[in-house]
C-alpha atoms as a PDB file:
ATOM      1  CA  MET A   1     -20.436 -15.435 -26.342  1.00  0.00           C
ATOM      2  CA  PRO A   2     -16.680 -15.077 -25.662  1.00  0.00           C
ATOM      3  CA  SER A   3     -17.325 -12.748 -22.732  1.00  0.00           C
ATOM      4  CA  GLN A   4     -19.408 -15.490 -21.144  1.00  0.00           C
ATOM      5  CA  MET A   5     -16.653 -18.122 -21.303  1.00  0.00           C
ATOM      6  CA  PRO A   6     -16.266 -20.071 -18.046  1.00  0.00           C
ATOM      7  CA  MET A   7     -13.846 -18.794 -15.446  1.00  0.00           C
ATOM      8  CA  PRO A   8     -10.986 -21.135 -14.468  1.00  0.00           C
ATOM      9  CA  ARG A   9     -12.173 -23.692 -11.965  1.00  0.00           C
ATOM     10  CA  ILE A  10     -10.708 -23.758  -8.479  1.00  0.00           C
ATOM     11  CA  ASP A  11     -11.102 -26.358  -5.776  1.00  0.00           C
ATOM     12  CA  LEU A  12     -13.484 -24.471  -3.500  1.00  0.00           C
ATOM     13  CA  PRO A  13     -13.587 -27.012  -0.651  1.00  0.00           C
ATOM     14  CA  LEU A  14      -9.796 -27.386  -0.528  1.00  0.00           C
ATOM     15  CA  SER A  15      -9.061 -23.670  -0.817  1.00  0.00           C
ATOM     16  CA  GLY A  16     -11.757 -22.981   1.764  1.00  0.00           C
ATOM     17  CA  ARG A  17     -10.094 -25.354   4.213  1.00  0.00           C
ATOM     18  CA  TRP A  18      -6.754 -23.642   3.661  1.00  0.00           C
ATOM     19  CA  LEU A  19      -8.362 -20.288   4.364  1.00  0.00           C
ATOM     20  CA  ILE A  20      -9.885 -21.554   7.599  1.00  0.00           C
ATOM     21  CA  ALA A  21      -6.511 -22.951   8.621  1.00  0.00           C
ATOM     22  CA  GLY A  22      -4.901 -19.591   7.882  1.00  0.00           C
ATOM     23  CA  TRP A  23      -7.477 -17.735   9.963  1.00  0.00           C
ATOM     24  CA  LEU A  24      -7.080 -20.109  12.898  1.00  0.00           C
ATOM     25  CA  ALA A  25      -3.293 -19.829  12.781  1.00  0.00           C
ATOM     26  CA  ALA A  26      -3.369 -16.016  12.574  1.00  0.00           C
ATOM     27  CA  LEU A  27      -5.899 -15.708  15.393  1.00  0.00           C
ATOM     28  CA  ALA A  28      -3.945 -18.107  17.588  1.00  0.00           C
ATOM     29  CA  LEU A  29      -0.705 -16.209  16.975  1.00  0.00           C
ATOM     30  CA  PHE A  30      -1.708 -12.560  17.018  1.00  0.00           C
ATOM     31  CA  ARG A  31      -4.675 -12.744  19.386  1.00  0.00           C
ATOM     32  CA  GLY A  32      -3.127 -15.387  21.609  1.00  0.00           C
ATOM     33  CA  ALA A  33       0.245 -13.654  21.812  1.00  0.00           C
ATOM     34  CA  PRO A  34      -0.214  -9.943  20.941  1.00  0.00           C
ATOM     35  CA  SER A  35       3.392  -9.152  21.851  1.00  0.00           C
ATOM     36  CA  VAL A  36       4.490 -10.988  18.702  1.00  0.00           C
ATOM     37  CA  ASP A  37       3.600  -7.839  16.771  1.00  0.00           C
ATOM     38  CA  LEU A  38       5.935  -5.760  18.943  1.00  0.00           C
ATOM     39  CA  LEU A  39       8.651  -8.392  18.701  1.00  0.00           C
ATOM     40  CA  ILE A  40       8.567  -8.467  14.904  1.00  0.00           C
ATOM     41  CA  SER A  41       8.411  -4.687  14.507  1.00  0.00           C
ATOM     42  CA  GLY A  42      11.179  -4.317  17.073  1.00  0.00           C
ATOM     43  CA  LEU A  43      13.552  -6.190  14.781  1.00  0.00           C
ATOM     44  CA  PHE A  44      13.519  -3.193  12.426  1.00  0.00           C
ATOM     45  CA  TRP A  45      13.588  -0.334  14.948  1.00  0.00           C
ATOM     46  CA  ARG A  46      16.535   1.224  16.727  1.00  0.00           C
ATOM     47  CA  ALA A  47      16.657   3.948  19.352  1.00  0.00           C
ATOM     48  CA  GLY A  48      17.518   7.304  17.832  1.00  0.00           C
ATOM     49  CA  GLY A  49      16.977   6.101  14.309  1.00  0.00           C
ATOM     50  CA  GLY A  50      13.471   4.698  14.324  1.00  0.00           C
ATOM     51  CA  PHE A  51      12.426   2.449  11.463  1.00  0.00           C
ATOM     52  CA  ASP A  52      15.281   3.350   9.141  1.00  0.00           C
ATOM     53  CA  VAL A  53      16.452  -0.099   8.098  1.00  0.00           C
ATOM     54  CA  ILE A  54      15.380   0.498   4.507  1.00  0.00           C
ATOM     55  CA  GLY A  55      16.929   3.710   3.295  1.00  0.00           C
ATOM     56  CA  ASN A  56      17.019   2.780  -0.382  1.00  0.00           C
ATOM     57  CA  PRO A  57      14.600   5.030  -2.315  1.00  0.00           C
ATOM     58  CA  LEU A  58      14.138   2.204  -4.814  1.00  0.00           C
ATOM     59  CA  TRP A  59      11.896   0.428  -2.268  1.00  0.00           C
ATOM     60  CA  GLU A  60       9.628   3.464  -1.965  1.00  0.00           C
ATOM     61  CA  TRP A  61       9.615   3.965  -5.738  1.00  0.00           C
ATOM     62  CA  LEU A  62       8.578   0.344  -6.333  1.00  0.00           C
ATOM     63  CA  ARG A  63       5.909   0.562  -3.638  1.00  0.00           C
ATOM     64  CA  GLN A  64       4.379   3.615  -5.324  1.00  0.00           C
ATOM     65  CA  ARG A  65       4.449   1.997  -8.754  1.00  0.00           C
ATOM     66  CA  LEU A  66       2.681  -1.122  -7.471  1.00  0.00           C
ATOM     67  CA  TRP A  67       0.025   1.018  -5.786  1.00  0.00           C
ATOM     68  CA  GLU A  68      -0.513   2.880  -9.049  1.00  0.00           C
ATOM     69  CA  ALA A  69      -0.684  -0.428 -10.924  1.00  0.00           C
ATOM     70  CA  SER A  70      -3.490  -1.545  -8.614  1.00  0.00           C
ATOM     71  CA  LEU A  71      -5.429   1.673  -9.186  1.00  0.00           C
ATOM     72  CA  LEU A  72      -5.001   1.414 -12.954  1.00  0.00           C
ATOM     73  CA  LEU A  73      -6.037  -2.241 -12.970  1.00  0.00           C
ATOM     74  CA  MET A  74      -9.159  -1.465 -10.948  1.00  0.00           C
ATOM     75  CA  VAL A  75     -10.229   1.243 -13.408  1.00  0.00           C
ATOM     76  CA  PHE A  76      -9.362  -0.899 -16.427  1.00  0.00           C
ATOM     77  CA  ALA A  77     -11.230  -3.890 -14.979  1.00  0.00           C
ATOM     78  CA  ALA A  78     -14.393  -1.786 -14.599  1.00  0.00           C
ATOM     79  CA  ILE A  79     -14.179  -0.542 -18.189  1.00  0.00           C
ATOM     80  CA  ALA A  80     -13.298  -3.979 -19.553  1.00  0.00           C
ATOM     81  CA  ALA A  81     -16.160  -5.658 -17.683  1.00  0.00           C
ATOM     82  CA  VAL A  82     -18.740  -3.260 -19.106  1.00  0.00           C
ATOM     83  CA  SER A  83     -17.218  -3.362 -22.581  1.00  0.00           C
ATOM     84  CA  GLY A  84     -17.081  -7.147 -22.514  1.00  0.00           C
ATOM     85  CA  TRP A  85     -20.727  -7.497 -21.525  1.00  0.00           C
ATOM     86  CA  VAL A  86     -21.976  -4.898 -24.018  1.00  0.00           C
ATOM     87  CA  LYS A  87     -19.920  -6.023 -27.006  1.00  0.00           C
ATOM     88  CA  GLY A  88     -20.017  -9.723 -26.146  1.00  0.00           C
ATOM     89  CA  ARG A  89     -16.296 -10.272 -26.483  1.00  0.00           C
ATOM     90  CA  ARG A  90     -13.178 -10.689 -24.443  1.00  0.00           C
ATOM     91  CA  VAL A  91     -11.010  -7.689 -23.594  1.00  0.00           C
ATOM     92  CA  ALA A  92      -7.248  -8.287 -23.627  1.00  0.00           C
ATOM     93  CA  GLY A  93      -8.017 -11.986 -23.879  1.00  0.00           C
ATOM     94  CA  ILE A  94     -10.028 -11.989 -20.632  1.00  0.00           C
ATOM     95  CA  GLY A  95     -13.781 -12.560 -20.303  1.00  0.00           C
ATOM     96  CA  ALA A  96     -16.126  -9.991 -18.795  1.00  0.00           C
ATOM     97  CA  ARG A  97     -16.857 -12.080 -15.711  1.00  0.00           C
ATOM     98  CA  VAL A  98     -13.172 -12.195 -14.760  1.00  0.00           C
ATOM     99  CA  TRP A  99     -12.877  -8.429 -15.157  1.00  0.00           C
ATOM    100  CA  ALA A 100     -16.068  -7.998 -13.103  1.00  0.00           C
ATOM    101  CA  PHE A 101     -14.610 -10.248 -10.415  1.00  0.00           C
ATOM    102  CA  LEU A 102     -11.388  -8.228 -10.203  1.00  0.00           C
ATOM    103  CA  PHE A 103     -13.160  -4.868 -10.098  1.00  0.00           C
ATOM    104  CA  THR A 104     -15.638  -6.052  -7.460  1.00  0.00           C
ATOM    105  CA  LEU A 105     -12.851  -7.501  -5.324  1.00  0.00           C
ATOM    106  CA  TYR A 106     -10.915  -4.234  -5.473  1.00  0.00           C
ATOM    107  CA  LEU A 107     -14.063  -2.305  -4.593  1.00  0.00           C
ATOM    108  CA  ILE A 108     -15.162  -4.479  -1.673  1.00  0.00           C
ATOM    109  CA  GLY A 109     -11.772  -5.604  -0.326  1.00  0.00           C
ATOM    110  CA  PRO A 110      -9.251  -2.727  -0.328  1.00  0.00           C
ATOM    111  CA  GLY A 111     -12.041  -0.204  -0.857  1.00  0.00           C
ATOM    112  CA  LEU A 112     -14.981  -0.810   1.460  1.00  0.00           C
ATOM    113  CA  VAL A 113     -13.911  -3.386   4.052  1.00  0.00           C
ATOM    114  CA  VAL A 114     -10.280  -2.396   4.545  1.00  0.00           C
ATOM    115  CA  ASN A 115     -10.085   1.361   3.996  1.00  0.00           C
ATOM    116  CA  LEU A 116     -13.602   2.650   4.630  1.00  0.00           C
ATOM    117  CA  TRP A 117     -14.386   0.376   7.572  1.00  0.00           C
ATOM    118  CA  LEU A 118     -11.423  -1.159   9.377  1.00  0.00           C
ATOM    119  CA  LYS A 119      -8.754   1.496   8.789  1.00  0.00           C
ATOM    120  CA  ALA A 120     -11.235   4.284   9.437  1.00  0.00           C
ATOM    121  CA  HIS A 121     -12.654   2.884  12.674  1.00  0.00           C
ATOM    122  CA  SER A 122     -10.157   0.447  14.227  1.00  0.00           C
ATOM    123  CA  GLY A 123      -8.313   3.195  16.120  1.00  0.00           C
ATOM    124  CA  ARG A 124      -5.079   1.178  16.129  1.00  0.00           C
ATOM    125  CA  ALA A 125      -1.933   3.317  16.087  1.00  0.00           C
ATOM    126  CA  ARG A 126       0.821   2.482  13.634  1.00  0.00           C
ATOM    127  CA  PRO A 127       4.059   0.912  14.934  1.00  0.00           C
ATOM    128  CA  ALA A 128       6.050   4.146  14.556  1.00  0.00           C
ATOM    129  CA  ASP A 129       3.451   5.943  16.711  1.00  0.00           C
ATOM    130  CA  VAL A 130       3.326   3.620  19.752  1.00  0.00           C
ATOM    131  CA  MET A 131       5.304   4.256  22.929  1.00  0.00           C
ATOM    132  CA  GLN A 132       7.410   1.119  22.552  1.00  0.00           C
ATOM    133  CA  PHE A 133       8.974   2.661  19.445  1.00  0.00           C
ATOM    134  CA  GLY A 134       9.300   6.276  20.534  1.00  0.00           C
ATOM    135  CA  GLY A 135       5.728   7.395  19.850  1.00  0.00           C
ATOM    136  CA  THR A 136       3.038   8.719  22.148  1.00  0.00           C
ATOM    137  CA  HIS A 137       0.195   6.227  21.625  1.00  0.00           C
ATOM    138  CA  SER A 138      -0.595   2.938  23.316  1.00  0.00           C
ATOM    139  CA  PHE A 139      -0.177  -0.379  21.546  1.00  0.00           C
ATOM    140  CA  THR A 140      -3.460  -2.096  20.629  1.00  0.00           C
ATOM    141  CA  PRO A 141      -3.625  -5.868  20.042  1.00  0.00           C
ATOM    142  CA  ALA A 142      -4.684  -6.960  16.586  1.00  0.00           C
ATOM    143  CA  GLY A 143      -8.432  -7.050  15.985  1.00  0.00           C
ATOM    144  CA  GLN A 144      -9.239  -4.906  19.013  1.00  0.00           C
ATOM    145  CA  PHE A 145     -10.831  -1.521  18.311  1.00  0.00           C
ATOM    146  CA  ALA A 146      -9.359   1.390  20.271  1.00  0.00           C
ATOM    147  CA  ASP A 147      -9.065   5.196  20.317  1.00  0.00           C
ATOM    148  CA  GLN A 148      -5.359   5.600  19.572  1.00  0.00           C
ATOM    149  CA  CYS A 149      -5.850   6.749  15.968  1.00  0.00           C
ATOM    150  CA  SER A 150      -8.522   8.958  14.431  1.00  0.00           C
ATOM    151  CA  HIS A 151      -8.192   8.096  10.724  1.00  0.00           C
ATOM    152  CA  ASN A 152      -6.099   6.071   8.268  1.00  0.00           C
ATOM    153  CA  CYS A 153      -5.152   3.722  11.090  1.00  0.00           C
ATOM    154  CA  SER A 154      -2.907   0.695  11.233  1.00  0.00           C
ATOM    155  CA  PHE A 155      -5.397  -2.188  11.219  1.00  0.00           C
ATOM    156  CA  VAL A 156      -5.451  -3.436   8.498  1.00  0.00           C
ATOM    157  CA  SER A 157      -3.235  -2.536   5.507  1.00  0.00           C
ATOM    158  CA  GLY A 158      -4.956  -1.127   2.439  1.00  0.00           C
ATOM    159  CA  GLU A 159      -1.832  -1.422   0.312  1.00  0.00           C
ATOM    160  CA  VAL A 160      -1.332  -5.070   1.246  1.00  0.00           C
ATOM    161  CA  SER A 161      -4.965  -5.776   0.406  1.00  0.00           C
ATOM    162  CA  ALA A 162      -4.616  -4.086  -3.003  1.00  0.00           C
ATOM    163  CA  ALA A 163      -1.359  -5.951  -3.622  1.00  0.00           C
ATOM    164  CA  ALA A 164      -3.106  -9.226  -2.825  1.00  0.00           C
ATOM    165  CA  VAL A 165      -5.765  -8.470  -5.457  1.00  0.00           C
ATOM    166  CA  LEU A 166      -3.024  -7.601  -7.953  1.00  0.00           C
ATOM    167  CA  GLY A 167      -1.363 -10.923  -7.162  1.00  0.00           C
ATOM    168  CA  ILE A 168      -4.657 -12.760  -7.743  1.00  0.00           C
ATOM    169  CA  ALA A 169      -5.037 -10.941 -11.066  1.00  0.00           C
ATOM    170  CA  LEU A 170      -1.580 -12.032 -12.211  1.00  0.00           C
ATOM    171  CA  TRP A 171      -2.392 -15.662 -11.406  1.00  0.00           C
ATOM    172  CA  LEU A 172      -5.646 -15.398 -13.358  1.00  0.00           C
ATOM    173  CA  PHE A 173      -3.826 -13.859 -16.319  1.00  0.00           C
ATOM    174  CA  ALA A 174      -1.323 -16.730 -16.210  1.00  0.00           C
ATOM    175  CA  ALA A 175      -4.195 -19.210 -16.384  1.00  0.00           C
ATOM    176  CA  LEU A 176      -6.147 -17.442 -19.128  1.00  0.00           C
ATOM    177  CA  TRP A 177      -3.579 -15.945 -21.481  1.00  0.00           C
ATOM    178  CA  ARG A 178      -2.133 -18.095 -24.233  1.00  0.00           C
ATOM    179  CA  VAL A 179       1.513 -17.396 -23.516  1.00  0.00           C
ATOM    180  CA  ALA A 180       4.763 -19.331 -23.366  1.00  0.00           C
ATOM    181  CA  ASP A 181       5.359 -21.490 -20.316  1.00  0.00           C
ATOM    182  CA  TRP A 182       8.203 -19.264 -19.100  1.00  0.00           C
ATOM    183  CA  LEU A 183       5.962 -16.194 -19.173  1.00  0.00           C
ATOM    184  CA  ARG A 184       3.213 -18.073 -17.338  1.00  0.00           C
ATOM    185  CA  ILE A 185       5.710 -18.988 -14.615  1.00  0.00           C
ATOM    186  CA  TYR A 186       6.930 -15.383 -14.528  1.00  0.00           C
ATOM    187  CA  LEU A 187       3.383 -14.086 -14.017  1.00  0.00           C
ATOM    188  CA  ARG A 188       2.818 -16.494 -11.132  1.00  0.00           C
ATOM    189  CA  VAL A 189       6.125 -15.607  -9.487  1.00  0.00           C
ATOM    190  CA  ALA A 190       5.267 -11.922  -9.883  1.00  0.00           C
ATOM    191  CA  GLY A 191       1.858 -12.637  -8.360  1.00  0.00           C
ATOM    192  CA  LEU A 192       3.587 -13.949  -5.245  1.00  0.00           C
ATOM    193  CA  PHE A 193       6.287 -11.280  -5.192  1.00  0.00           C
ATOM    194  CA  VAL A 194       3.941  -8.277  -5.287  1.00  0.00           C
ATOM    195  CA  PRO A 195       2.102  -8.864  -1.967  1.00  0.00           C
ATOM    196  CA  THR A 196       5.257 -10.269  -0.327  1.00  0.00           C
ATOM    197  CA  PHE A 197       7.219  -7.128  -1.171  1.00  0.00           C
ATOM    198  CA  ILE A 198       4.453  -4.791   0.009  1.00  0.00           C
ATOM    199  CA  ILE A 199       4.111  -6.737   3.275  1.00  0.00           C
ATOM    200  CA  ALA A 200       7.862  -6.454   3.897  1.00  0.00           C
ATOM    201  CA  GLN A 201       7.957  -2.771   2.992  1.00  0.00           C
ATOM    202  CA  ARG A 202       5.060  -1.821   5.255  1.00  0.00           C
ATOM    203  CA  VAL A 203       6.318  -3.821   8.252  1.00  0.00           C
ATOM    204  CA  VAL A 204      10.003  -2.936   8.006  1.00  0.00           C
ATOM    205  CA  THR A 205       9.305   0.788   7.675  1.00  0.00           C
ATOM    206  CA  GLY A 206       7.058   0.838  10.744  1.00  0.00           C
ATOM    207  CA  ARG A 207       3.883   1.653   8.867  1.00  0.00           C
ATOM    208  CA  HIS A 208       2.108  -1.573   9.790  1.00  0.00           C
ATOM    209  CA  PHE A 209       2.380  -4.446  12.241  1.00  0.00           C
ATOM    210  CA  ALA A 210       2.813  -7.970  10.912  1.00  0.00           C
ATOM    211  CA  SER A 211      -0.748  -8.772  11.984  1.00  0.00           C
ATOM    212  CA  ASP A 212      -2.069  -5.849   9.909  1.00  0.00           C
ATOM    213  CA  ALA A 213      -0.514  -7.424   6.836  1.00  0.00           C
ATOM    214  CA  GLY A 214      -1.500 -10.983   7.710  1.00  0.00           C
ATOM    215  CA  PHE A 215      -5.152 -10.238   8.397  1.00  0.00           C
ATOM    216  CA  SER A 216      -5.303  -7.972   5.347  1.00  0.00           C
ATOM    217  CA  VAL A 217      -4.252 -10.873   3.119  1.00  0.00           C
ATOM    218  CA  LEU A 218      -6.714 -13.231   4.808  1.00  0.00           C
ATOM    219  CA  ILE A 219      -9.594 -10.778   4.481  1.00  0.00           C
ATOM    220  CA  THR A 220      -8.826 -10.187   0.805  1.00  0.00           C
ATOM    221  CA  LEU A 221      -8.417 -13.881  -0.013  1.00  0.00           C
ATOM    222  CA  SER A 222     -11.620 -14.754   1.858  1.00  0.00           C
ATOM    223  CA  LEU A 223     -13.608 -12.100   0.011  1.00  0.00           C
ATOM    224  CA  GLY A 224     -12.018 -13.259  -3.228  1.00  0.00           C
ATOM    225  CA  TRP A 225     -12.984 -16.865  -2.475  1.00  0.00           C
ATOM    226  CA  GLY A 226     -16.611 -15.905  -1.911  1.00  0.00           C
ATOM    227  CA  LEU A 227     -16.808 -13.591  -4.923  1.00  0.00           C
ATOM    228  CA  TYR A 228     -15.172 -16.139  -7.194  1.00  0.00           C
ATOM    229  CA  ALA A 229     -17.617 -18.820  -6.076  1.00  0.00           C
ATOM    230  CA  LEU A 230     -20.511 -16.445  -6.778  1.00  0.00           C
ATOM    231  CA  ILE A 231     -19.420 -14.894 -10.079  1.00  0.00           C
ATOM    232  CA  SER A 232     -18.001 -18.089 -11.596  1.00  0.00           C
ATOM    233  CA  GLY A 233     -21.098 -20.086 -10.656  1.00  0.00           C
ATOM    234  CA  GLN A 234     -19.022 -22.739  -8.914  1.00  0.00           C
ATOM    235  CA  GLY A 235     -20.607 -21.970  -5.568  1.00  0.00           C
ATOM    236  CA  ALA A 236     -24.109 -22.656  -6.894  1.00  0.00           C
ATOM    237  CA  GLN A 237     -22.905 -25.856  -8.558  1.00  0.00           C
ATOM    238  CA  LEU A 238     -21.355 -27.027  -5.300  1.00  0.00           C
ATOM    239  CA  LEU A 239     -24.556 -26.316  -3.372  1.00  0.00           C
ATOM    240  CA  ARG A 240     -26.670 -28.178  -5.901  1.00  0.00           C
ATOM    241  CA  ARG A 241     -24.301 -31.126  -5.758  1.00  0.00           C
ATOM    242  CA  ASP A 242     -24.390 -31.241  -1.969  1.00  0.00           C
ATOM    243  CA  ALA A 243     -28.173 -30.874  -1.950  1.00  0.00           C
ATOM    244  CA  GLY A 244     -28.481 -33.746  -4.387  1.00  0.00           C
END
């Protein structure tokens, strides 16, 4: 059936090694030198003005639109996955398994792991709220749970995580849609721009530390790697090959 068409193959071993390298680099930087977070955020803060480097409302408007796009895509992916399985056909040129992958990644990544677990329980105050930048709370190193925030805390970024899923979706669309080469390139560039812009917006405005954004991307990509291996069947194929 069209809805059962294979998902695009990825090099699981190679991408897995890149993920491990990214984790090691991030841990070495932000856990080995926690002050890097303060140094980076300090570039965008000034006494008396706070984090006011970006005063253009266009940045906030674009941030809101991208957040809404993620919410709409999550809902559409759920509907398209069910419709694809039931009717045995592709929806918008995409198979049901791809839609199921995107919905599940949104649900587990930005939804459960990032917002319901880490942001709810990390206790890490946002940059604008710590004493180094005129706030009243203590700075907490990345990955360390504290009591400086009661809810919707800094570690990690839900919007960055959602933007990362949106970026993954755009790359998948570029691989699956039969479109002109220029549009395929545009989709891939947009897939890189979306999380990059959200990372910059959250850090520069003092809403998140650089480590919040970095670990959010790594968490989302790692969950995506595992889900893709599972839903596409590539993980099982790799295990059978290694076992043989």
